[in-house]
């Protein structure tokens, strides 16, 4: 399967707890192969496998985690 890379700015990354929540969320997504969360630039880069993911799904999971402190289950 082919890997895809997306990059997006996540404005609500304000502290290290936000980074931890984003990392937890990204770690729980089945097809994510790797990621980088930069607190200074607020940029998240994600490498994922296949066509079942989208930028919107990943961004929604990260945003939910940052706001609530919980990870969101994603249906594939």
Protein backbone atom coordinates (compact mmCIF):
# COMPACT_ATOMS: atom_id res chain seq x y z
CA UNK A 1 0.00 0.00 0.00
CA UNK A 2 1.03 3.53 -0.67
CA UNK A 3 1.93 5.97 2.11
CA UNK A 4 0.54 9.51 2.15
CA UNK A 5 1.84 12.55 4.02
CA UNK A 6 -0.29 15.42 5.21
CA UNK A 7 0.66 18.57 7.06
CA UNK A 8 -1.68 20.96 8.82
CA UNK A 9 -1.62 23.79 11.34
CA UNK A 10 -3.38 23.05 14.63
CA UNK A 11 -3.92 26.46 16.24
CA UNK A 12 -5.12 25.10 19.60
CA UNK A 13 -1.79 23.49 20.49
CA UNK A 14 -0.95 25.82 23.36
CA UNK A 15 1.05 23.74 25.82
CA UNK A 16 2.87 20.45 26.31
CA UNK A 17 -0.34 18.78 27.54
CA UNK A 18 -1.88 19.60 24.13
CA UNK A 19 1.07 17.91 22.43
CA UNK A 20 0.70 14.85 24.64
CA UNK A 21 -3.01 14.63 23.82
CA UNK A 22 -2.30 14.99 20.08
CA UNK A 23 0.38 12.27 20.27
CA UNK A 24 -2.04 9.95 22.10
CA UNK A 25 -4.70 10.51 19.46
CA UNK A 26 -2.32 9.94 16.55
CA UNK A 27 -0.87 6.83 18.19
CA UNK A 28 -4.34 5.26 18.37
CA UNK A 29 -5.16 5.67 14.67
CA UNK A 30 -4.70 2.32 12.95
CA UNK A 31 -3.19 3.41 9.62
CA UNK A 32 -0.86 6.14 10.92
CA UNK A 33 2.74 5.13 10.25
CA UNK A 34 4.46 8.15 11.79
CA UNK A 35 3.95 11.74 12.84
CA UNK A 36 5.60 14.89 14.14
CA UNK A 37 3.91 17.47 16.38
CA UNK A 38 5.74 20.81 16.62
CA UNK A 39 4.51 23.01 19.48
CA UNK A 40 6.39 26.11 18.28
CA UNK A 41 5.00 26.22 14.74
CA UNK A 42 1.76 24.37 15.66
CA UNK A 43 2.34 22.16 12.62
CA UNK A 44 1.43 18.48 12.63
CA UNK A 45 2.82 16.18 9.97
CA UNK A 46 1.31 12.71 9.60
CA UNK A 47 2.32 9.77 7.43
CA UNK A 48 -0.42 7.22 6.94
CA UNK A 49 -0.96 4.11 4.89
CA UNK A 50 -3.64 3.47 2.31
CA UNK A 51 -6.72 5.39 1.29
CA UNK A 52 -8.95 4.90 4.32
CA UNK A 53 -7.75 8.03 6.13
CA UNK A 54 -8.18 11.67 5.27
CA UNK A 55 -6.83 14.93 6.57
CA UNK A 56 -10.26 15.76 7.99
CA UNK A 57 -10.53 12.50 9.97
CA UNK A 58 -7.04 12.89 11.42
CA UNK A 59 -7.54 16.55 12.22
CA UNK A 60 -10.89 15.86 13.91
CA UNK A 61 -9.33 13.16 16.11
CA UNK A 62 -6.45 15.46 17.13
CA UNK A 63 -8.74 18.41 17.79
CA UNK A 64 -11.11 16.30 19.91
CA UNK A 65 -8.18 14.98 21.93
CA UNK A 66 -6.74 18.44 22.58
CA UNK A 67 -10.10 19.88 23.65
CA UNK A 68 -11.38 16.97 25.73
CA UNK A 69 -8.18 15.24 26.87
CA UNK A 70 -9.63 11.97 25.55
CA UNK A 71 -9.00 9.96 22.41
CA UNK A 72 -11.78 9.53 19.91
CA UNK A 73 -12.51 6.13 18.43
CA UNK A 74 -12.39 6.29 14.66
CA UNK A 75 -14.41 3.94 12.51
CA UNK A 76 -12.72 2.90 9.28
